[in-house]
Amino acid sequence: MMTPELLIAQLMSCYGYEVDLSYAYNYISMVGAQYAEVNGFHDWLQNFGFM
């Protein structure tokens, strides 16, 4: 199960940047904790202009 804290840590490790934890909470609530993954999170952030 993906947690917001783990998702942010993976984002930093894989892509070299961080965002506010609230974005991770929103992404996980949208896709579900069992389906949340860092590549999808990164794409979601880019598609919606959060970064």
N, C-alpha and C. Protein backbone atom coordinates (compact mmCIF):
# COMPACT_ATOMS: atom_id res chain seq x y z
N MET A 1 0.84 -1.18 0.00
CA MET A 1 0.00 0.00 0.00
C MET A 1 0.88 1.25 0.00
N MET A 2 0.55 2.15 -0.87
CA MET A 2 1.31 3.40 -0.98
C MET A 2 0.79 4.41 0.03
N THR A 3 1.71 5.06 0.71
CA THR A 3 1.37 6.15 1.61
C THR A 3 1.82 7.46 0.97
N PRO A 4 1.24 8.58 1.36
CA PRO A 4 1.69 9.86 0.80
C PRO A 4 3.17 10.13 1.05
N GLU A 5 3.64 9.77 2.24
CA GLU A 5 5.04 10.00 2.58
C GLU A 5 5.97 9.17 1.69
N LEU A 6 5.60 7.93 1.45
CA LEU A 6 6.40 7.06 0.59
C LEU A 6 6.36 7.55 -0.86
N LEU A 7 5.22 8.00 -1.30
CA LEU A 7 5.10 8.52 -2.66
C LEU A 7 5.98 9.75 -2.87
N ILE A 8 6.01 10.64 -1.90
CA ILE A 8 6.87 11.84 -1.98
C ILE A 8 8.34 11.42 -1.97
N ALA A 9 8.71 10.46 -1.14
CA ALA A 9 10.09 9.98 -1.08
C ALA A 9 10.51 9.36 -2.41
N GLN A 10 9.62 8.57 -3.01
CA GLN A 10 9.92 7.96 -4.30
C GLN A 10 10.02 9.00 -5.40
N LEU A 11 9.19 10.03 -5.33
CA LEU A 11 9.24 11.11 -6.31
C LEU A 11 10.59 11.81 -6.25
N MET A 12 11.07 12.06 -5.06
CA MET A 12 12.38 12.69 -4.88
C MET A 12 13.49 11.79 -5.39
N SER A 13 13.41 10.52 -5.08
CA SER A 13 14.43 9.57 -5.48
C SER A 13 14.47 9.37 -7.00
N CYS A 14 13.32 9.26 -7.62
CA CYS A 14 13.25 8.97 -9.06
C CYS A 14 13.35 10.21 -9.94
N TYR A 15 12.74 11.31 -9.50
CA TYR A 15 12.63 12.49 -10.36
C TYR A 15 13.36 13.72 -9.83
N GLY A 16 13.81 13.66 -8.59
CA GLY A 16 14.64 14.73 -8.05
C GLY A 16 13.91 15.98 -7.61
N TYR A 17 12.62 15.88 -7.32
CA TYR A 17 11.90 17.03 -6.79
C TYR A 17 10.84 16.57 -5.81
N GLU A 18 10.38 17.51 -5.00
CA GLU A 18 9.33 17.23 -4.03
C GLU A 18 8.16 18.17 -4.27
N VAL A 19 7.01 17.76 -3.87
CA VAL A 19 5.83 18.63 -3.86
C VAL A 19 5.19 18.53 -2.48
N ASP A 20 4.24 19.38 -2.24
CA ASP A 20 3.53 19.37 -0.98
C ASP A 20 2.83 18.03 -0.78
N LEU A 21 2.80 17.58 0.43
CA LEU A 21 2.20 16.30 0.78
C LEU A 21 0.72 16.24 0.39
N SER A 22 0.04 17.37 0.35
CA SER A 22 -1.38 17.37 0.00
C SER A 22 -1.60 16.86 -1.42
N TYR A 23 -0.65 17.07 -2.33
CA TYR A 23 -0.78 16.54 -3.69
C TYR A 23 -0.76 15.01 -3.67
N ALA A 24 0.09 14.45 -2.85
CA ALA A 24 0.16 12.99 -2.74
C ALA A 24 -1.14 12.44 -2.16
N TYR A 25 -1.69 13.11 -1.15
CA TYR A 25 -2.97 12.68 -0.58
C TYR A 25 -4.06 12.71 -1.65
N ASN A 26 -4.11 13.78 -2.44
CA ASN A 26 -5.13 13.91 -3.48
C ASN A 26 -4.97 12.83 -4.55
N TYR A 27 -3.74 12.59 -4.97
CA TYR A 27 -3.49 11.57 -5.99
C TYR A 27 -3.90 10.18 -5.50
N ILE A 28 -3.50 9.84 -4.28
CA ILE A 28 -3.83 8.53 -3.72
C ILE A 28 -5.34 8.38 -3.54
N SER A 29 -6.01 9.43 -3.11
CA SER A 29 -7.47 9.32 -2.96
C SER A 29 -8.16 9.17 -4.31
N MET A 30 -7.57 9.69 -5.36
CA MET A 30 -8.14 9.59 -6.69
C MET A 30 -7.96 8.19 -7.30
N VAL A 31 -6.75 7.63 -7.18
CA VAL A 31 -6.47 6.36 -7.86
C VAL A 31 -6.56 5.14 -6.93
N GLY A 32 -6.50 5.37 -5.65
CA GLY A 32 -6.52 4.26 -4.69
C GLY A 32 -5.10 3.89 -4.26
N ALA A 33 -4.95 3.56 -3.00
CA ALA A 33 -3.62 3.28 -2.44
C ALA A 33 -2.96 2.07 -3.08
N GLN A 34 -3.74 1.10 -3.50
CA GLN A 34 -3.12 -0.09 -4.09
C GLN A 34 -2.66 0.15 -5.53
N TYR A 35 -3.16 1.22 -6.18
CA TYR A 35 -2.79 1.51 -7.56
C TYR A 35 -1.84 2.70 -7.70
N ALA A 36 -1.63 3.44 -6.65
CA ALA A 36 -0.77 4.61 -6.70
C ALA A 36 0.69 4.19 -6.90
N GLU A 37 1.36 4.86 -7.84
CA GLU A 37 2.77 4.60 -8.08
C GLU A 37 3.43 5.89 -8.57
N VAL A 38 4.73 5.95 -8.42
CA VAL A 38 5.46 7.20 -8.61
C VAL A 38 5.40 7.71 -10.06
N ASN A 39 5.45 6.83 -11.04
CA ASN A 39 5.41 7.29 -12.43
C ASN A 39 4.07 7.93 -12.76
N GLY A 40 2.99 7.32 -12.31
CA GLY A 40 1.67 7.90 -12.51
C GLY A 40 1.51 9.21 -11.76
N PHE A 41 2.07 9.29 -10.58
CA PHE A 41 2.01 10.53 -9.80
C PHE A 41 2.75 11.64 -10.51
N HIS A 42 3.93 11.35 -11.01
CA HIS A 42 4.72 12.34 -11.76
C HIS A 42 3.94 12.81 -12.99
N ASP A 43 3.37 11.89 -13.75
CA ASP A 43 2.57 12.25 -14.92
C ASP A 43 1.37 13.11 -14.54
N TRP A 44 0.70 12.73 -13.47
CA TRP A 44 -0.46 13.48 -12.99
C TRP A 44 -0.06 14.91 -12.62
N LEU A 45 1.06 15.05 -11.94
CA LEU A 45 1.53 16.39 -11.57
C LEU A 45 1.82 17.22 -12.82
N GLN A 46 2.45 16.64 -13.82
CA GLN A 46 2.77 17.37 -15.04
C GLN A 46 1.51 17.72 -15.84
N ASN A 47 0.60 16.77 -15.97
CA ASN A 47 -0.61 17.00 -16.76
C ASN A 47 -1.50 18.08 -16.20
N PHE A 48 -1.51 18.23 -14.89
CA PHE A 48 -2.37 19.22 -14.27
C PHE A 48 -1.62 20.47 -13.84
N GLY A 49 -0.36 20.60 -14.25
CA GLY A 49 0.39 21.82 -14.02
C GLY A 49 0.76 22.11 -12.59
N PHE A 50 0.89 21.08 -11.78
CA PHE A 50 1.26 21.28 -10.38
C PHE A 50 2.75 21.56 -10.20
N MET A 51 3.51 21.41 -11.26
CA MET A 51 4.93 21.66 -11.13
C MET A 51 5.42 22.50 -12.28
